[in-house]
């Protein structure tokens, strides 16, 4: 590896059916994405450099590639928690990234950005299966992404809100703690997490991240 590069993951996203959203809804979606990126900077130990991309698109850099799928799922959960009309495609790619001072990711043309963009375009061109998440290269991450996408596709806003709280690697929340945060009963929170596939996703992400540490 060259000394002026480091390994990173790029997420390139587009809002799903953005033409059906009002300007107010678009602004709300992008504020949510930007706020989510700021919150996740703590456990990525670096700014995600959230950048709006081509009108209804967005990009971030992840300093900790092992959290690529987890991060994509949190962005998805945060958006889906806003209502059934909100969702995002996300292309995921990991590779060598040159150090650069520019805060606007639209100025970057590293190979990993190109790969992430291509993964996104592949997603948007699919009509039969129509997934929302895709990893650019074949392998364990790509397989896990397909299955995680299948689970997340059916999240209701309530399930997405609950999952967004529990997916952060530094959350350390019990179901009782989460119930207090959401002002719901522990029984409701437990049923919601079970219906959203939390336990399976938790274990899959844990195993995937240990492999990539």
N, C-alpha and C. Protein backbone atom coordinates (compact mmCIF):
# COMPACT_ATOMS: atom_id res chain seq x y z
N UNK A 1 0.83 -1.19 0.00
CA UNK A 1 0.00 0.00 0.00
C UNK A 1 0.87 1.25 0.00
N UNK A 2 0.53 2.23 -0.83
CA UNK A 2 1.29 3.47 -0.86
C UNK A 2 1.07 4.25 0.42
N UNK A 3 2.10 5.04 0.82
CA UNK A 3 2.01 5.78 2.07
C UNK A 3 1.01 6.92 2.00
N UNK A 4 0.65 7.38 0.79
CA UNK A 4 -0.30 8.48 0.68
C UNK A 4 -1.73 7.99 0.46
N UNK A 5 -1.96 6.70 0.70
CA UNK A 5 -3.31 6.15 0.58
C UNK A 5 -3.67 5.40 1.85
N UNK A 6 -4.95 5.16 2.02
CA UNK A 6 -5.43 4.33 3.12
C UNK A 6 -6.66 3.57 2.65
N UNK A 7 -6.96 2.47 3.31
CA UNK A 7 -8.13 1.67 2.95
C UNK A 7 -9.38 2.33 3.51
N UNK A 8 -10.39 2.47 2.68
CA UNK A 8 -11.64 3.10 3.09
C UNK A 8 -12.78 2.54 2.27
N UNK A 9 -13.99 2.80 2.73
CA UNK A 9 -15.19 2.41 1.99
C UNK A 9 -15.93 3.66 1.56
N UNK A 10 -16.46 3.63 0.36
CA UNK A 10 -17.29 4.72 -0.15
C UNK A 10 -18.72 4.20 -0.33
N UNK A 11 -19.67 4.93 0.20
CA UNK A 11 -21.08 4.66 -0.06
C UNK A 11 -21.59 5.73 -1.00
N UNK A 12 -22.20 5.31 -2.09
CA UNK A 12 -22.83 6.24 -3.02
C UNK A 12 -24.31 5.91 -3.07
N UNK A 13 -25.15 6.88 -2.72
CA UNK A 13 -26.58 6.63 -2.63
C UNK A 13 -27.41 7.54 -3.50
N UNK A 14 -28.61 7.10 -3.81
CA UNK A 14 -29.63 7.90 -4.47
C UNK A 14 -30.95 7.65 -3.75
N UNK A 15 -31.74 8.69 -3.55
CA UNK A 15 -33.06 8.50 -2.97
C UNK A 15 -33.93 7.71 -3.95
N UNK A 16 -34.72 6.80 -3.41
CA UNK A 16 -35.62 5.99 -4.23
C UNK A 16 -36.86 6.81 -4.58
N UNK A 17 -37.23 6.82 -5.86
CA UNK A 17 -38.41 7.53 -6.35
C UNK A 17 -38.42 8.98 -5.89
N UNK A 18 -37.29 9.64 -6.05
CA UNK A 18 -37.16 11.02 -5.58
C UNK A 18 -38.09 11.98 -6.32
N UNK A 19 -38.46 11.64 -7.56
CA UNK A 19 -39.34 12.52 -8.33
C UNK A 19 -40.72 12.63 -7.71
N UNK A 20 -41.07 11.66 -6.85
CA UNK A 20 -42.38 11.68 -6.20
C UNK A 20 -42.35 12.46 -4.88
N UNK A 21 -41.17 12.91 -4.45
CA UNK A 21 -41.04 13.64 -3.20
C UNK A 21 -41.15 15.14 -3.43
N UNK A 22 -41.74 15.83 -2.48
CA UNK A 22 -41.78 17.28 -2.54
C UNK A 22 -40.42 17.85 -2.15
N UNK A 23 -40.22 19.14 -2.39
CA UNK A 23 -38.97 19.77 -2.00
C UNK A 23 -38.78 19.67 -0.49
N UNK A 24 -39.85 19.86 0.27
CA UNK A 24 -39.76 19.76 1.72
C UNK A 24 -39.35 18.35 2.16
N UNK A 25 -39.89 17.33 1.49
CA UNK A 25 -39.52 15.95 1.81
C UNK A 25 -38.07 15.68 1.44
N UNK A 26 -37.64 16.18 0.29
CA UNK A 26 -36.24 16.02 -0.12
C UNK A 26 -35.31 16.67 0.91
N UNK A 27 -35.64 17.88 1.31
CA UNK A 27 -34.80 18.58 2.29
C UNK A 27 -34.76 17.81 3.60
N UNK A 28 -35.91 17.27 4.02
CA UNK A 28 -35.98 16.49 5.27
C UNK A 28 -35.11 15.24 5.16
N UNK A 29 -35.17 14.58 4.00
CA UNK A 29 -34.37 13.36 3.79
C UNK A 29 -32.88 13.68 3.87
N UNK A 30 -32.45 14.75 3.23
CA UNK A 30 -31.03 15.07 3.23
C UNK A 30 -30.54 15.58 4.57
N UNK A 31 -31.39 16.28 5.31
CA UNK A 31 -31.00 16.66 6.68
C UNK A 31 -30.82 15.42 7.53
N UNK A 32 -31.70 14.43 7.35
CA UNK A 32 -31.60 13.18 8.11
C UNK A 32 -30.32 12.43 7.76
N UNK A 33 -30.00 12.35 6.48
CA UNK A 33 -28.78 11.68 6.06
C UNK A 33 -27.54 12.39 6.61
N UNK A 34 -27.53 13.71 6.53
CA UNK A 34 -26.39 14.47 7.02
C UNK A 34 -26.24 14.34 8.53
N UNK A 35 -27.34 14.42 9.27
CA UNK A 35 -27.29 14.26 10.72
C UNK A 35 -26.80 12.86 11.10
N UNK A 36 -27.25 11.86 10.34
CA UNK A 36 -26.82 10.48 10.60
C UNK A 36 -25.33 10.34 10.37
N UNK A 37 -24.82 10.94 9.31
CA UNK A 37 -23.38 10.89 9.03
C UNK A 37 -22.59 11.54 10.15
N UNK A 38 -23.09 12.65 10.68
CA UNK A 38 -22.40 13.33 11.78
C UNK A 38 -22.39 12.46 13.03
N UNK A 39 -23.51 11.79 13.31
CA UNK A 39 -23.58 10.91 14.48
C UNK A 39 -22.61 9.74 14.35
N UNK A 40 -22.47 9.19 13.15
CA UNK A 40 -21.62 8.01 12.95
C UNK A 40 -20.13 8.34 12.91
N UNK A 41 -19.78 9.61 12.81
CA UNK A 41 -18.37 10.00 12.81
C UNK A 41 -17.68 9.57 14.10
N UNK A 42 -18.44 9.47 15.19
CA UNK A 42 -17.86 9.10 16.49
C UNK A 42 -17.23 7.72 16.42
N UNK A 43 -17.96 6.74 15.88
CA UNK A 43 -17.40 5.38 15.87
C UNK A 43 -16.61 5.07 14.61
N UNK A 44 -16.65 5.93 13.60
CA UNK A 44 -15.72 5.79 12.49
C UNK A 44 -14.43 6.57 12.75
N UNK A 45 -14.42 7.34 13.83
CA UNK A 45 -13.26 8.11 14.26
C UNK A 45 -12.75 9.08 13.19
N UNK A 46 -13.67 9.57 12.38
CA UNK A 46 -13.34 10.56 11.34
C UNK A 46 -14.65 11.03 10.72
N UNK A 47 -14.64 12.23 10.19
CA UNK A 47 -15.81 12.73 9.47
C UNK A 47 -16.11 11.84 8.27
N UNK A 48 -17.39 11.61 8.02
CA UNK A 48 -17.80 10.84 6.84
C UNK A 48 -17.83 11.73 5.60
N UNK A 49 -17.61 13.02 5.76
CA UNK A 49 -17.58 13.99 4.65
C UNK A 49 -18.83 13.89 3.77
N UNK A 50 -19.98 13.87 4.42
CA UNK A 50 -21.24 13.74 3.69
C UNK A 50 -21.34 14.82 2.62
N UNK A 51 -21.62 14.40 1.38
CA UNK A 51 -21.73 15.33 0.26
C UNK A 51 -22.96 14.98 -0.56
N UNK A 52 -23.74 15.99 -0.87
CA UNK A 52 -24.88 15.78 -1.77
C UNK A 52 -24.33 15.62 -3.18
N UNK A 53 -24.95 14.71 -3.93
CA UNK A 53 -24.37 14.29 -5.21
C UNK A 53 -25.45 14.25 -6.28
N UNK A 54 -25.34 15.07 -7.29
CA UNK A 54 -26.23 15.04 -8.45
C UNK A 54 -27.71 15.19 -8.08
N UNK A 55 -28.03 16.14 -7.25
CA UNK A 55 -29.43 16.44 -6.95
C UNK A 55 -30.06 15.53 -5.92
N UNK A 56 -30.32 14.27 -6.27
CA UNK A 56 -30.97 13.35 -5.33
C UNK A 56 -30.00 12.29 -4.82
N UNK A 57 -28.70 12.50 -5.04
CA UNK A 57 -27.70 11.52 -4.61
C UNK A 57 -26.85 12.04 -3.47
N UNK A 58 -26.07 11.13 -2.89
CA UNK A 58 -25.21 11.49 -1.77
C UNK A 58 -24.04 10.50 -1.69
N UNK A 59 -22.97 10.93 -1.03
CA UNK A 59 -21.79 10.08 -0.85
C UNK A 59 -21.17 10.32 0.53
N UNK A 60 -20.55 9.26 1.05
CA UNK A 60 -19.76 9.37 2.28
C UNK A 60 -18.53 8.48 2.17
N UNK A 61 -17.53 8.80 2.97
CA UNK A 61 -16.34 7.95 3.12
C UNK A 61 -16.38 7.35 4.52
N UNK A 62 -16.08 6.05 4.62
CA UNK A 62 -16.04 5.37 5.90
C UNK A 62 -14.60 5.04 6.25
N UNK A 63 -14.15 5.56 7.38
CA UNK A 63 -12.78 5.34 7.82
C UNK A 63 -12.56 3.92 8.33
N UNK A 64 -13.65 3.24 8.70
CA UNK A 64 -13.56 1.86 9.19
C UNK A 64 -14.37 0.96 8.26
N UNK A 65 -13.72 0.40 7.24
CA UNK A 65 -14.43 -0.41 6.25
C UNK A 65 -15.17 -1.61 6.82
N UNK A 66 -14.73 -2.11 7.97
CA UNK A 66 -15.42 -3.27 8.54
C UNK A 66 -16.87 -2.96 8.89
N UNK A 67 -17.19 -1.68 9.03
CA UNK A 67 -18.56 -1.28 9.37
C UNK A 67 -19.37 -0.87 8.14
N UNK A 68 -18.94 -1.25 6.96
CA UNK A 68 -19.59 -0.79 5.73
C UNK A 68 -21.06 -1.17 5.68
N UNK A 69 -21.38 -2.45 5.85
CA UNK A 69 -22.76 -2.89 5.76
C UNK A 69 -23.59 -2.33 6.91
N UNK A 70 -23.06 -2.32 8.10
CA UNK A 70 -23.76 -1.77 9.26
C UNK A 70 -24.13 -0.31 9.00
N UNK A 71 -23.16 0.45 8.47
CA UNK A 71 -23.39 1.87 8.21
C UNK A 71 -24.47 2.06 7.15
N UNK A 72 -24.41 1.27 6.08
CA UNK A 72 -25.43 1.36 5.04
C UNK A 72 -26.82 1.06 5.60
N UNK A 73 -26.91 0.08 6.48
CA UNK A 73 -28.20 -0.27 7.08
C UNK A 73 -28.72 0.85 7.98
N UNK A 74 -27.82 1.53 8.68
CA UNK A 74 -28.26 2.64 9.54
C UNK A 74 -28.78 3.79 8.70
N UNK A 75 -28.09 4.12 7.61
CA UNK A 75 -28.62 5.16 6.72
C UNK A 75 -30.01 4.76 6.21
N UNK A 76 -30.15 3.50 5.81
CA UNK A 76 -31.44 3.00 5.34
C UNK A 76 -32.50 3.11 6.42
N UNK A 77 -32.16 2.68 7.63
CA UNK A 77 -33.12 2.71 8.73
C UNK A 77 -33.54 4.13 9.08
N UNK A 78 -32.60 5.04 9.11
CA UNK A 78 -32.92 6.42 9.44
C UNK A 78 -33.88 7.02 8.42
N UNK A 79 -33.65 6.74 7.15
CA UNK A 79 -34.55 7.26 6.11
C UNK A 79 -35.93 6.60 6.19
N UNK A 80 -35.94 5.28 6.29
CA UNK A 80 -37.23 4.56 6.31
C UNK A 80 -38.05 4.92 7.55
N UNK A 81 -37.40 5.36 8.61
CA UNK A 81 -38.13 5.75 9.81
C UNK A 81 -38.96 7.01 9.59
N UNK A 82 -38.65 7.78 8.54
CA UNK A 82 -39.38 9.01 8.26
C UNK A 82 -40.75 8.75 7.67
N UNK A 83 -40.94 7.59 7.07
CA UNK A 83 -42.22 7.26 6.45
C UNK A 83 -42.02 6.31 5.30
N UNK A 84 -43.10 5.67 4.83
CA UNK A 84 -42.97 4.65 3.78
C UNK A 84 -42.51 5.19 2.44
N UNK A 85 -42.58 6.50 2.24
CA UNK A 85 -42.16 7.08 0.96
C UNK A 85 -40.66 7.33 0.88
N UNK A 86 -39.94 7.07 1.98
CA UNK A 86 -38.51 7.36 2.03
C UNK A 86 -37.68 6.09 1.98
N UNK A 87 -36.69 6.06 1.09
CA UNK A 87 -35.73 4.96 1.02
C UNK A 87 -34.56 5.41 0.16
N UNK A 88 -33.51 4.62 0.16
CA UNK A 88 -32.34 4.98 -0.63
C UNK A 88 -31.68 3.75 -1.22
N UNK A 89 -31.16 3.89 -2.42
CA UNK A 89 -30.23 2.92 -2.99
C UNK A 89 -28.85 3.25 -2.41
N UNK A 90 -28.02 2.22 -2.21
CA UNK A 90 -26.65 2.46 -1.76
C UNK A 90 -25.70 1.47 -2.44
N UNK A 91 -24.74 2.00 -3.20
CA UNK A 91 -23.65 1.20 -3.74
C UNK A 91 -22.45 1.29 -2.82
N UNK A 92 -21.85 0.15 -2.52
CA UNK A 92 -20.78 0.06 -1.52
C UNK A 92 -19.51 -0.45 -2.18
N UNK A 93 -18.39 0.23 -1.96
CA UNK A 93 -17.10 -0.24 -2.49
C UNK A 93 -16.00 0.06 -1.49
N UNK A 94 -15.06 -0.86 -1.37
CA UNK A 94 -13.91 -0.69 -0.48
C UNK A 94 -12.63 -0.76 -1.29
N UNK A 95 -11.70 0.14 -1.02
CA UNK A 95 -10.44 0.15 -1.75
C UNK A 95 -9.49 1.19 -1.22
N UNK A 96 -8.41 1.41 -1.94
CA UNK A 96 -7.42 2.40 -1.53
C UNK A 96 -7.90 3.80 -1.90
N UNK A 97 -7.74 4.70 -0.96
CA UNK A 97 -8.20 6.07 -1.14
C UNK A 97 -7.05 7.02 -0.87
N UNK A 98 -6.83 7.94 -1.77
CA UNK A 98 -5.76 8.91 -1.57
C UNK A 98 -6.17 9.93 -0.52
N UNK A 99 -5.20 10.36 0.28
CA UNK A 99 -5.45 11.44 1.23
C UNK A 99 -5.67 12.72 0.45
N UNK A 100 -6.71 13.47 0.85
CA UNK A 100 -7.03 14.71 0.15
C UNK A 100 -7.66 15.68 1.14
N UNK A 101 -7.46 16.96 0.89
CA UNK A 101 -7.98 17.98 1.79
C UNK A 101 -9.37 18.47 1.41
N UNK A 102 -9.84 18.14 0.21
CA UNK A 102 -11.13 18.64 -0.23
C UNK A 102 -12.27 18.02 0.58
N UNK A 103 -13.19 18.84 1.12
CA UNK A 103 -14.32 18.30 1.88
C UNK A 103 -15.47 17.84 0.99
N UNK A 104 -15.47 18.24 -0.29
CA UNK A 104 -16.55 17.90 -1.21
C UNK A 104 -16.18 16.66 -1.99
N UNK A 105 -16.91 15.57 -1.74
CA UNK A 105 -16.58 14.30 -2.39
C UNK A 105 -16.89 14.31 -3.88
N UNK A 106 -17.64 15.30 -4.36
CA UNK A 106 -17.89 15.40 -5.79
C UNK A 106 -16.62 15.71 -6.57
N UNK A 107 -15.58 16.16 -5.87
CA UNK A 107 -14.31 16.46 -6.52
C UNK A 107 -13.40 15.25 -6.63
N UNK A 108 -13.83 14.10 -6.07
CA UNK A 108 -12.96 12.93 -6.02
C UNK A 108 -13.23 12.00 -7.20
N UNK A 109 -12.15 11.38 -7.72
CA UNK A 109 -12.31 10.41 -8.81
C UNK A 109 -11.46 9.16 -8.57
N UNK A 110 -11.15 8.86 -7.30
CA UNK A 110 -10.42 7.63 -6.98
C UNK A 110 -11.20 6.42 -7.50
N UNK A 111 -10.49 5.34 -7.77
CA UNK A 111 -11.12 4.13 -8.30
C UNK A 111 -12.27 3.65 -7.41
N UNK A 112 -12.12 3.76 -6.09
CA UNK A 112 -13.15 3.26 -5.19
C UNK A 112 -14.45 4.06 -5.34
N UNK A 113 -14.35 5.34 -5.70
CA UNK A 113 -15.56 6.13 -5.97
C UNK A 113 -16.25 5.64 -7.23
N UNK A 114 -15.46 5.33 -8.24
CA UNK A 114 -16.01 4.82 -9.49
C UNK A 114 -16.71 3.48 -9.26
N UNK A 115 -16.08 2.60 -8.48
CA UNK A 115 -16.66 1.29 -8.20
C UNK A 115 -17.97 1.41 -7.43
N UNK A 116 -17.99 2.32 -6.46
CA UNK A 116 -19.21 2.53 -5.69
C UNK A 116 -20.33 3.06 -6.58
N UNK A 117 -19.99 4.01 -7.45
CA UNK A 117 -20.98 4.55 -8.37
C UNK A 117 -21.52 3.50 -9.32
N UNK A 118 -20.65 2.62 -9.80
CA UNK A 118 -21.09 1.55 -10.70
C UNK A 118 -22.02 0.58 -9.98
N UNK A 119 -21.72 0.28 -8.72
CA UNK A 119 -22.59 -0.61 -7.95
C UNK A 119 -23.98 0.02 -7.80
N UNK A 120 -24.01 1.33 -7.59
CA UNK A 120 -25.28 2.03 -7.50
C UNK A 120 -26.05 1.96 -8.81
N UNK A 121 -25.37 2.22 -9.92
CA UNK A 121 -26.04 2.20 -11.21
C UNK A 121 -26.57 0.81 -11.55
N UNK A 122 -25.83 -0.23 -11.15
CA UNK A 122 -26.31 -1.60 -11.36
C UNK A 122 -27.60 -1.83 -10.60
N UNK A 123 -27.65 -1.35 -9.36
CA UNK A 123 -28.87 -1.48 -8.55
C UNK A 123 -30.06 -0.84 -9.25
N UNK A 124 -29.86 0.37 -9.73
CA UNK A 124 -30.96 1.14 -10.31
C UNK A 124 -31.43 0.58 -11.65
N UNK A 125 -30.58 -0.22 -12.28
CA UNK A 125 -30.95 -0.81 -13.57
C UNK A 125 -31.71 -2.12 -13.42
N UNK A 126 -31.73 -2.68 -12.22
CA UNK A 126 -32.39 -3.97 -12.00
C UNK A 126 -33.89 -3.75 -11.82
N UNK A 127 -34.69 -4.60 -12.44
CA UNK A 127 -36.14 -4.44 -12.37
C UNK A 127 -36.87 -5.61 -11.72
N UNK A 128 -36.34 -6.81 -11.82
CA UNK A 128 -37.06 -7.97 -11.29
C UNK A 128 -36.83 -8.14 -9.79
N UNK A 129 -35.58 -8.24 -9.37
CA UNK A 129 -35.26 -8.42 -7.96
C UNK A 129 -35.30 -7.09 -7.22
N UNK A 130 -34.78 -6.03 -7.85
CA UNK A 130 -34.83 -4.65 -7.35
C UNK A 130 -34.31 -4.47 -5.93
N UNK A 131 -33.08 -4.89 -5.63
CA UNK A 131 -32.52 -4.62 -4.30
C UNK A 131 -32.17 -3.15 -4.14
N UNK A 132 -31.93 -2.73 -2.90
CA UNK A 132 -31.56 -1.34 -2.64
C UNK A 132 -30.11 -1.19 -2.21
N UNK A 133 -29.45 -2.29 -1.81
CA UNK A 133 -28.06 -2.25 -1.36
C UNK A 133 -27.24 -3.22 -2.21
N UNK A 134 -26.00 -2.83 -2.54
CA UNK A 134 -25.13 -3.74 -3.29
C UNK A 134 -23.68 -3.44 -2.98
N UNK A 135 -22.90 -4.49 -2.82
CA UNK A 135 -21.44 -4.39 -2.64
C UNK A 135 -20.80 -4.59 -4.01
N UNK A 136 -19.76 -3.82 -4.29
CA UNK A 136 -19.21 -3.79 -5.65
C UNK A 136 -18.49 -5.06 -6.07
N UNK A 137 -17.89 -5.79 -5.12
CA UNK A 137 -17.10 -6.97 -5.45
C UNK A 137 -17.74 -8.23 -4.87
N UNK A 138 -17.62 -9.38 -5.55
CA UNK A 138 -18.17 -10.62 -5.00
C UNK A 138 -17.41 -11.04 -3.76
N UNK A 139 -18.09 -11.77 -2.87
CA UNK A 139 -17.44 -12.23 -1.65
C UNK A 139 -18.43 -12.24 -0.50
N UNK A 140 -17.91 -12.44 0.71
CA UNK A 140 -18.77 -12.54 1.90
C UNK A 140 -19.57 -11.26 2.12
N UNK A 141 -18.92 -10.10 1.93
CA UNK A 141 -19.63 -8.83 2.13
C UNK A 141 -20.80 -8.69 1.15
N UNK A 142 -20.56 -9.07 -0.10
CA UNK A 142 -21.62 -8.97 -1.10
C UNK A 142 -22.79 -9.89 -0.77
N UNK A 143 -22.48 -11.12 -0.34
CA UNK A 143 -23.53 -12.07 0.00
C UNK A 143 -24.33 -11.59 1.21
N UNK A 144 -23.62 -11.10 2.24
CA UNK A 144 -24.30 -10.59 3.42
C UNK A 144 -25.16 -9.38 3.08
N UNK A 145 -24.68 -8.56 2.16
CA UNK A 145 -25.43 -7.36 1.75
C UNK A 145 -26.75 -7.74 1.08
N UNK A 146 -26.73 -8.75 0.23
CA UNK A 146 -27.96 -9.22 -0.43
C UNK A 146 -28.99 -9.66 0.60
N UNK A 147 -28.56 -10.44 1.59
CA UNK A 147 -29.49 -10.95 2.59
C UNK A 147 -29.98 -9.85 3.52
N UNK A 148 -29.07 -8.94 3.91
CA UNK A 148 -29.46 -7.83 4.78
C UNK A 148 -30.46 -6.92 4.06
N UNK A 149 -30.24 -6.70 2.78
CA UNK A 149 -31.16 -5.88 1.99
C UNK A 149 -32.55 -6.50 1.97
N UNK A 150 -32.61 -7.81 1.84
CA UNK A 150 -33.90 -8.51 1.80
C UNK A 150 -34.65 -8.29 3.12
N UNK A 151 -33.93 -8.33 4.23
CA UNK A 151 -34.56 -8.12 5.54
C UNK A 151 -35.02 -6.68 5.69
N UNK A 152 -34.15 -5.73 5.33
CA UNK A 152 -34.45 -4.32 5.53
C UNK A 152 -35.57 -3.82 4.63
N UNK A 153 -35.77 -4.46 3.50
CA UNK A 153 -36.77 -3.99 2.53
C UNK A 153 -38.16 -3.91 3.15
N UNK A 154 -38.48 -4.79 4.08
CA UNK A 154 -39.82 -4.84 4.66
C UNK A 154 -39.95 -4.07 5.97
N UNK A 155 -38.93 -3.35 6.39
CA UNK A 155 -39.04 -2.59 7.62
C UNK A 155 -40.14 -1.53 7.52
N UNK A 156 -41.00 -1.50 8.51
CA UNK A 156 -41.95 -0.39 8.65
C UNK A 156 -41.21 0.80 9.26
N UNK A 157 -41.80 1.99 9.22
CA UNK A 157 -41.15 3.12 9.88
C UNK A 157 -40.83 2.86 11.35
N UNK A 158 -41.74 2.21 12.07
CA UNK A 158 -41.50 1.92 13.49
C UNK A 158 -40.34 0.94 13.66
N UNK A 159 -40.29 -0.09 12.81
CA UNK A 159 -39.19 -1.05 12.88
C UNK A 159 -37.88 -0.37 12.52
N UNK A 160 -37.89 0.48 11.50
CA UNK A 160 -36.68 1.18 11.09
C UNK A 160 -36.16 2.09 12.19
N UNK A 161 -37.06 2.80 12.85
CA UNK A 161 -36.65 3.68 13.95
C UNK A 161 -35.99 2.88 15.07
N UNK A 162 -36.56 1.73 15.38
CA UNK A 162 -36.03 0.89 16.45
C UNK A 162 -34.69 0.29 16.05
N UNK A 163 -34.56 -0.18 14.81
CA UNK A 163 -33.31 -0.77 14.34
C UNK A 163 -32.20 0.27 14.27
N UNK A 164 -32.52 1.49 13.90
CA UNK A 164 -31.51 2.54 13.82
C UNK A 164 -30.83 2.76 15.17
N UNK A 165 -31.59 2.62 16.24
CA UNK A 165 -31.03 2.79 17.58
C UNK A 165 -30.12 1.63 17.95
N UNK A 166 -30.47 0.42 17.52
CA UNK A 166 -29.76 -0.78 17.98
C UNK A 166 -28.57 -1.17 17.11
N UNK A 167 -28.47 -0.64 15.90
CA UNK A 167 -27.43 -1.09 14.98
C UNK A 167 -26.06 -0.45 15.22
N UNK A 168 -26.01 0.71 15.86
CA UNK A 168 -24.72 1.35 16.11
C UNK A 168 -23.84 0.43 16.95
N UNK A 169 -22.57 0.23 16.58
CA UNK A 169 -21.72 -0.73 17.32
C UNK A 169 -21.43 -0.29 18.75
N UNK A 170 -21.60 1.00 19.03
CA UNK A 170 -21.35 1.49 20.39
C UNK A 170 -22.64 1.76 21.14
N UNK A 171 -23.75 1.20 20.66
CA UNK A 171 -25.05 1.47 21.28
C UNK A 171 -25.12 0.94 22.71
N UNK A 172 -24.79 -0.35 22.91
CA UNK A 172 -24.82 -0.96 24.24
C UNK A 172 -26.15 -0.74 24.95
N UNK A 173 -27.24 -0.84 24.20
CA UNK A 173 -28.56 -0.63 24.77
C UNK A 173 -29.23 -1.96 25.09
N UNK A 174 -29.83 -2.05 26.26
CA UNK A 174 -30.71 -3.18 26.53
C UNK A 174 -32.07 -2.86 25.93
N UNK A 175 -32.91 -3.87 25.81
CA UNK A 175 -34.25 -3.62 25.29
C UNK A 175 -35.01 -2.67 26.22
N UNK A 176 -34.73 -2.75 27.51
CA UNK A 176 -35.38 -1.86 28.48
C UNK A 176 -34.92 -0.42 28.27
N UNK A 177 -33.62 -0.24 28.05
CA UNK A 177 -33.10 1.12 27.77
C UNK A 177 -33.75 1.69 26.51
N UNK A 178 -33.83 0.87 25.48
CA UNK A 178 -34.40 1.33 24.22
C UNK A 178 -35.88 1.68 24.39
N UNK A 179 -36.59 0.90 25.17
CA UNK A 179 -38.01 1.18 25.41
C UNK A 179 -38.19 2.55 26.05
N UNK A 180 -37.29 2.91 26.96
CA UNK A 180 -37.38 4.24 27.59
C UNK A 180 -37.09 5.35 26.58
N UNK A 181 -36.08 5.14 25.72
CA UNK A 181 -35.74 6.14 24.71
C UNK A 181 -36.91 6.38 23.76
N UNK A 182 -37.56 5.29 23.35
CA UNK A 182 -38.64 5.39 22.38
C UNK A 182 -40.00 5.62 23.02
N UNK A 183 -40.03 5.63 24.36
CA UNK A 183 -41.29 5.81 25.10
C UNK A 183 -42.31 4.74 24.73
N UNK A 184 -41.81 3.50 24.70
CA UNK A 184 -42.66 2.36 24.41
C UNK A 184 -42.42 1.29 25.47
N UNK A 185 -43.29 0.32 25.52
CA UNK A 185 -43.09 -0.77 26.46
C UNK A 185 -41.98 -1.70 25.97
N UNK A 186 -41.37 -2.41 26.92
CA UNK A 186 -40.33 -3.36 26.53
C UNK A 186 -40.89 -4.46 25.63
N UNK A 187 -42.14 -4.85 25.88
CA UNK A 187 -42.76 -5.89 25.08
C UNK A 187 -42.93 -5.44 23.63
N UNK A 188 -43.34 -4.19 23.44
CA UNK A 188 -43.50 -3.66 22.08
C UNK A 188 -42.15 -3.60 21.37
N UNK A 189 -41.13 -3.13 22.08
CA UNK A 189 -39.80 -3.03 21.49
C UNK A 189 -39.28 -4.42 21.11
N UNK A 190 -39.48 -5.39 21.97
CA UNK A 190 -39.03 -6.76 21.69
C UNK A 190 -39.72 -7.32 20.45
N UNK A 191 -41.03 -7.14 20.37
CA UNK A 191 -41.78 -7.63 19.19
C UNK A 191 -41.31 -6.92 17.92
N UNK A 192 -41.06 -5.63 18.03
CA UNK A 192 -40.63 -4.86 16.87
C UNK A 192 -39.27 -5.33 16.37
N UNK A 193 -38.32 -5.54 17.28
CA UNK A 193 -37.00 -6.00 16.89
C UNK A 193 -37.04 -7.41 16.32
N UNK A 194 -37.85 -8.26 16.89
CA UNK A 194 -37.98 -9.62 16.36
C UNK A 194 -38.54 -9.60 14.94
N UNK A 195 -39.55 -8.77 14.72
CA UNK A 195 -40.16 -8.68 13.39
C UNK A 195 -39.20 -8.08 12.36
N UNK A 196 -38.28 -7.23 12.83
CA UNK A 196 -37.33 -6.57 11.93
C UNK A 196 -36.08 -7.41 11.67
N UNK A 197 -35.99 -8.59 12.28
CA UNK A 197 -34.83 -9.47 12.06
C UNK A 197 -33.58 -9.04 12.80
N UNK A 198 -33.75 -8.37 13.94
CA UNK A 198 -32.60 -7.81 14.64
C UNK A 198 -31.58 -8.86 15.05
N UNK A 199 -32.02 -9.94 15.66
CA UNK A 199 -31.07 -10.92 16.20
C UNK A 199 -30.20 -11.51 15.09
N UNK A 200 -30.80 -11.84 13.97
CA UNK A 200 -30.04 -12.41 12.85
C UNK A 200 -29.06 -11.39 12.28
N UNK A 201 -29.51 -10.15 12.11
CA UNK A 201 -28.62 -9.11 11.60
C UNK A 201 -27.49 -8.82 12.58
N UNK A 202 -27.80 -8.79 13.86
CA UNK A 202 -26.77 -8.55 14.88
C UNK A 202 -25.67 -9.59 14.78
N UNK A 203 -26.04 -10.86 14.71
CA UNK A 203 -25.05 -11.93 14.65
C UNK A 203 -24.28 -11.89 13.33
N UNK A 204 -24.97 -11.69 12.22
CA UNK A 204 -24.30 -11.64 10.92
C UNK A 204 -23.30 -10.50 10.84
N UNK A 205 -23.69 -9.32 11.31
CA UNK A 205 -22.78 -8.17 11.28
C UNK A 205 -21.58 -8.40 12.19
N UNK A 206 -21.83 -8.97 13.35
CA UNK A 206 -20.73 -9.26 14.29
C UNK A 206 -19.72 -10.20 13.66
N UNK A 207 -20.18 -11.27 13.02
CA UNK A 207 -19.28 -12.25 12.40
C UNK A 207 -18.53 -11.62 11.22
N UNK A 208 -19.23 -10.84 10.42
CA UNK A 208 -18.61 -10.19 9.27
C UNK A 208 -17.52 -9.20 9.71
N UNK A 209 -17.82 -8.44 10.73
CA UNK A 209 -16.87 -7.41 11.19
C UNK A 209 -15.64 -8.02 11.86
N UNK A 210 -15.81 -9.13 12.57
CA UNK A 210 -14.65 -9.81 13.15
C UNK A 210 -13.73 -10.33 12.08
N UNK A 211 -14.31 -10.81 10.97
CA UNK A 211 -13.51 -11.31 9.85
C UNK A 211 -12.68 -10.18 9.23
N UNK A 212 -13.23 -8.96 9.23
CA UNK A 212 -12.59 -7.84 8.54
C UNK A 212 -11.81 -6.91 9.46
N UNK A 213 -11.71 -7.25 10.74
CA UNK A 213 -10.93 -6.41 11.67
C UNK A 213 -9.47 -6.31 11.22
